[in-house]
Amino acid sequence: MKAKDFDQQFDDGADITPSLDVSKAKRALQTQKRVNVDFPTWMIDSLDREASKLGVTRQSVIKIWLAERLEATASKVPLQPPRTGAAHR
């Protein structure tokens, strides 16, 4: 199919998914790279409690919190102050 025809179908609101080859599709900036990080035991315990409370994995909590911090830093939005009562040793 020519690009002009494809564009016209899209503009007309037609279902163009049969015309797409998604077998090699990738999400931009979503390539994974494994890293190893050592955490103190108290951090692992805190992460596990939070993960259990949220019903997600420890890795998910770490990813979410890092993403929030990086987005806040990129947009220069101040982060919420740390919660009081957090056990830091």
N, C-alpha and C. Protein backbone atom coordinates (compact mmCIF):
# COMPACT_ATOMS: atom_id res chain seq x y z
N MET A 1 0.85 -1.17 0.00
CA MET A 1 0.00 0.00 0.00
C MET A 1 0.90 1.24 0.00
N LYS A 2 0.49 2.21 -0.76
CA LYS A 2 1.24 3.46 -0.83
C LYS A 2 0.96 4.30 0.41
N ALA A 3 1.94 5.10 0.79
CA ALA A 3 1.81 5.93 1.98
C ALA A 3 0.61 6.86 1.88
N LYS A 4 0.36 7.38 0.70
CA LYS A 4 -0.77 8.29 0.49
C LYS A 4 -2.09 7.58 0.82
N ASP A 5 -2.23 6.33 0.37
CA ASP A 5 -3.45 5.55 0.65
C ASP A 5 -3.57 5.23 2.13
N PHE A 6 -2.42 4.88 2.74
CA PHE A 6 -2.40 4.58 4.17
C PHE A 6 -2.84 5.80 4.97
N ASP A 7 -2.25 6.96 4.65
CA ASP A 7 -2.61 8.20 5.33
C ASP A 7 -4.09 8.53 5.17
N GLN A 8 -4.62 8.29 3.99
CA GLN A 8 -6.03 8.59 3.73
C GLN A 8 -6.92 7.69 4.58
N GLN A 9 -6.58 6.40 4.65
CA GLN A 9 -7.36 5.47 5.48
C GLN A 9 -7.33 5.91 6.95
N PHE A 10 -6.14 6.30 7.42
CA PHE A 10 -6.01 6.76 8.80
C PHE A 10 -6.86 8.01 9.03
N ASP A 11 -6.74 8.96 8.11
CA ASP A 11 -7.49 10.21 8.24
C ASP A 11 -9.00 9.97 8.21
N ASP A 12 -9.41 8.92 7.49
CA ASP A 12 -10.84 8.60 7.39
C ASP A 12 -11.34 7.82 8.60
N GLY A 13 -10.42 7.48 9.51
CA GLY A 13 -10.81 6.74 10.71
C GLY A 13 -10.94 5.25 10.49
N ALA A 14 -10.42 4.74 9.38
CA ALA A 14 -10.49 3.31 9.09
C ALA A 14 -9.52 2.56 9.99
N ASP A 15 -9.77 1.28 10.20
CA ASP A 15 -8.88 0.43 10.98
C ASP A 15 -7.66 0.10 10.12
N ILE A 16 -6.51 0.65 10.48
CA ILE A 16 -5.30 0.46 9.70
C ILE A 16 -4.40 -0.64 10.27
N THR A 17 -4.79 -1.24 11.40
CA THR A 17 -3.93 -2.24 12.03
C THR A 17 -3.61 -3.43 11.13
N PRO A 18 -4.53 -3.90 10.25
CA PRO A 18 -4.13 -5.00 9.38
C PRO A 18 -3.00 -4.62 8.42
N SER A 19 -2.80 -3.35 8.19
CA SER A 19 -1.75 -2.89 7.28
C SER A 19 -0.40 -2.71 7.97
N LEU A 20 -0.36 -2.88 9.30
CA LEU A 20 0.86 -2.67 10.05
C LEU A 20 1.57 -3.98 10.34
N ASP A 21 2.89 -3.98 10.27
CA ASP A 21 3.70 -5.12 10.67
C ASP A 21 4.26 -4.80 12.05
N VAL A 22 3.64 -5.35 13.09
CA VAL A 22 4.06 -5.04 14.45
C VAL A 22 5.03 -6.08 15.01
N SER A 23 5.46 -7.02 14.18
CA SER A 23 6.33 -8.09 14.67
C SER A 23 7.66 -7.56 15.19
N LYS A 24 8.12 -6.44 14.69
CA LYS A 24 9.39 -5.87 15.12
C LYS A 24 9.22 -4.50 15.78
N ALA A 25 8.01 -4.21 16.20
CA ALA A 25 7.73 -2.91 16.83
C ALA A 25 8.40 -2.85 18.20
N LYS A 26 8.90 -1.68 18.54
CA LYS A 26 9.53 -1.45 19.83
C LYS A 26 9.00 -0.14 20.39
N ARG A 27 8.91 -0.09 21.70
CA ARG A 27 8.51 1.16 22.36
C ARG A 27 9.73 2.04 22.50
N ALA A 28 9.61 3.27 22.08
CA ALA A 28 10.73 4.21 22.14
C ALA A 28 11.20 4.41 23.58
N LEU A 29 12.49 4.42 23.77
CA LEU A 29 13.13 4.65 25.07
C LEU A 29 12.73 3.63 26.13
N GLN A 30 12.31 2.43 25.73
CA GLN A 30 11.89 1.41 26.70
C GLN A 30 12.81 0.20 26.69
N THR A 31 13.96 0.29 26.04
CA THR A 31 14.91 -0.81 26.03
C THR A 31 15.38 -1.07 27.46
N GLN A 32 15.44 -2.32 27.84
CA GLN A 32 15.83 -2.68 29.20
C GLN A 32 17.34 -2.90 29.28
N LYS A 33 17.92 -2.55 30.40
CA LYS A 33 19.32 -2.82 30.70
C LYS A 33 19.39 -3.20 32.16
N ARG A 34 20.00 -4.34 32.44
CA ARG A 34 20.09 -4.83 33.81
C ARG A 34 21.23 -4.14 34.55
N VAL A 35 20.94 -3.74 35.79
CA VAL A 35 21.95 -3.16 36.67
C VAL A 35 21.84 -3.84 38.04
N ASN A 36 22.92 -3.88 38.73
CA ASN A 36 22.93 -4.44 40.09
C ASN A 36 23.18 -3.30 41.07
N VAL A 37 22.36 -3.26 42.10
CA VAL A 37 22.49 -2.23 43.13
C VAL A 37 22.44 -2.92 44.48
N ASP A 38 23.36 -2.57 45.35
CA ASP A 38 23.35 -3.11 46.71
C ASP A 38 22.64 -2.13 47.63
N PHE A 39 21.68 -2.66 48.41
CA PHE A 39 20.93 -1.85 49.35
C PHE A 39 21.16 -2.39 50.76
N PRO A 40 21.16 -1.51 51.75
CA PRO A 40 21.21 -1.99 53.14
C PRO A 40 19.93 -2.78 53.45
N THR A 41 20.04 -3.68 54.41
CA THR A 41 18.91 -4.54 54.78
C THR A 41 17.68 -3.73 55.17
N TRP A 42 17.86 -2.62 55.89
CA TRP A 42 16.69 -1.84 56.30
C TRP A 42 15.94 -1.28 55.10
N MET A 43 16.67 -0.95 54.02
CA MET A 43 15.99 -0.45 52.81
C MET A 43 15.19 -1.57 52.13
N ILE A 44 15.78 -2.75 52.06
CA ILE A 44 15.08 -3.88 51.45
C ILE A 44 13.81 -4.18 52.25
N ASP A 45 13.92 -4.18 53.57
CA ASP A 45 12.74 -4.42 54.40
C ASP A 45 11.66 -3.37 54.15
N SER A 46 12.06 -2.11 54.07
CA SER A 46 11.10 -1.04 53.81
C SER A 46 10.49 -1.17 52.42
N LEU A 47 11.31 -1.48 51.44
CA LEU A 47 10.80 -1.68 50.07
C LEU A 47 9.81 -2.83 50.02
N ASP A 48 10.13 -3.92 50.72
CA ASP A 48 9.23 -5.08 50.73
C ASP A 48 7.90 -4.76 51.40
N ARG A 49 7.94 -3.99 52.47
CA ARG A 49 6.69 -3.59 53.13
C ARG A 49 5.84 -2.73 52.20
N GLU A 50 6.48 -1.78 51.53
CA GLU A 50 5.75 -0.90 50.61
C GLU A 50 5.19 -1.70 49.43
N ALA A 51 5.99 -2.60 48.91
CA ALA A 51 5.54 -3.43 47.78
C ALA A 51 4.35 -4.29 48.19
N SER A 52 4.41 -4.85 49.39
CA SER A 52 3.30 -5.67 49.89
C SER A 52 2.04 -4.83 50.06
N LYS A 53 2.21 -3.63 50.60
CA LYS A 53 1.08 -2.72 50.81
C LYS A 53 0.42 -2.36 49.47
N LEU A 54 1.26 -2.16 48.43
CA LEU A 54 0.74 -1.77 47.12
C LEU A 54 0.34 -2.97 46.26
N GLY A 55 0.74 -4.17 46.66
CA GLY A 55 0.43 -5.37 45.88
C GLY A 55 1.25 -5.48 44.61
N VAL A 56 2.49 -5.00 44.67
CA VAL A 56 3.39 -5.07 43.51
C VAL A 56 4.72 -5.66 43.97
N THR A 57 5.64 -5.82 43.05
CA THR A 57 6.95 -6.36 43.39
C THR A 57 7.87 -5.27 43.91
N ARG A 58 8.92 -5.68 44.58
CA ARG A 58 9.95 -4.75 45.04
C ARG A 58 10.53 -3.98 43.86
N GLN A 59 10.78 -4.68 42.77
CA GLN A 59 11.34 -4.05 41.59
C GLN A 59 10.41 -2.95 41.05
N SER A 60 9.11 -3.19 41.09
CA SER A 60 8.15 -2.18 40.64
C SER A 60 8.20 -0.93 41.50
N VAL A 61 8.30 -1.11 42.81
CA VAL A 61 8.39 0.05 43.70
C VAL A 61 9.63 0.86 43.38
N ILE A 62 10.76 0.18 43.21
CA ILE A 62 12.01 0.87 42.90
C ILE A 62 11.88 1.63 41.59
N LYS A 63 11.33 0.99 40.57
CA LYS A 63 11.18 1.65 39.26
C LYS A 63 10.27 2.86 39.34
N ILE A 64 9.16 2.71 40.02
CA ILE A 64 8.19 3.81 40.14
C ILE A 64 8.83 4.99 40.87
N TRP A 65 9.47 4.71 42.00
CA TRP A 65 10.05 5.79 42.78
C TRP A 65 11.19 6.47 42.03
N LEU A 66 12.02 5.70 41.35
CA LEU A 66 13.11 6.30 40.57
C LEU A 66 12.54 7.15 39.43
N ALA A 67 11.52 6.63 38.75
CA ALA A 67 10.91 7.38 37.65
C ALA A 67 10.32 8.70 38.16
N GLU A 68 9.64 8.66 39.31
CA GLU A 68 9.07 9.88 39.88
C GLU A 68 10.17 10.89 40.18
N ARG A 69 11.26 10.42 40.76
CA ARG A 69 12.36 11.32 41.12
C ARG A 69 13.00 11.91 39.87
N LEU A 70 13.23 11.09 38.87
CA LEU A 70 13.86 11.57 37.64
C LEU A 70 12.96 12.56 36.90
N GLU A 71 11.66 12.29 36.88
CA GLU A 71 10.72 13.22 36.24
C GLU A 71 10.68 14.54 37.00
N ALA A 72 10.66 14.48 38.32
CA ALA A 72 10.64 15.71 39.13
C ALA A 72 11.92 16.50 38.91
N THR A 73 13.04 15.81 38.86
CA THR A 73 14.32 16.48 38.64
C THR A 73 14.35 17.12 37.26
N ALA A 74 13.86 16.41 36.26
CA ALA A 74 13.86 16.92 34.90
C ALA A 74 12.96 18.15 34.77
N SER A 75 11.85 18.16 35.49
CA SER A 75 10.94 19.29 35.41
C SER A 75 11.20 20.32 36.50
N LYS A 76 12.19 20.06 37.33
CA LYS A 76 12.58 20.95 38.44
C LYS A 76 11.43 21.22 39.40
N VAL A 77 10.55 20.24 39.55
CA VAL A 77 9.44 20.35 40.50
C VAL A 77 9.94 19.80 41.83
N PRO A 78 9.78 20.53 42.91
CA PRO A 78 10.26 20.01 44.20
C PRO A 78 9.51 18.75 44.60
N LEU A 79 10.23 17.80 45.16
CA LEU A 79 9.62 16.57 45.64
C LEU A 79 8.93 16.83 46.97
N GLN A 80 8.00 15.94 47.30
CA GLN A 80 7.35 16.00 48.60
C GLN A 80 8.42 15.74 49.66
N PRO A 81 8.35 16.40 50.80
CA PRO A 81 9.32 16.11 51.86
C PRO A 81 9.16 14.66 52.31
N PRO A 82 10.23 14.04 52.82
CA PRO A 82 10.12 12.66 53.28
C PRO A 82 9.09 12.54 54.40
N ARG A 83 8.44 11.39 54.44
CA ARG A 83 7.46 11.13 55.51
C ARG A 83 8.17 11.04 56.84
N THR A 84 7.57 11.62 57.85
CA THR A 84 8.17 11.56 59.18
C THR A 84 7.97 10.16 59.74
N GLY A 85 8.89 9.75 60.57
CA GLY A 85 8.78 8.43 61.18
C GLY A 85 9.42 7.34 60.37
N ALA A 86 10.00 7.68 59.22
CA ALA A 86 10.67 6.66 58.41
C ALA A 86 11.94 6.21 59.15
N ALA A 87 12.14 4.92 59.19
CA ALA A 87 13.30 4.38 59.90
C ALA A 87 14.53 4.45 59.04
N HIS A 88 15.41 5.36 59.34
CA HIS A 88 16.68 5.47 58.63
C HIS A 88 17.79 5.21 59.62
N ARG A 89 18.66 4.31 59.26
CA ARG A 89 19.77 3.99 60.15
C ARG A 89 21.06 4.37 59.53
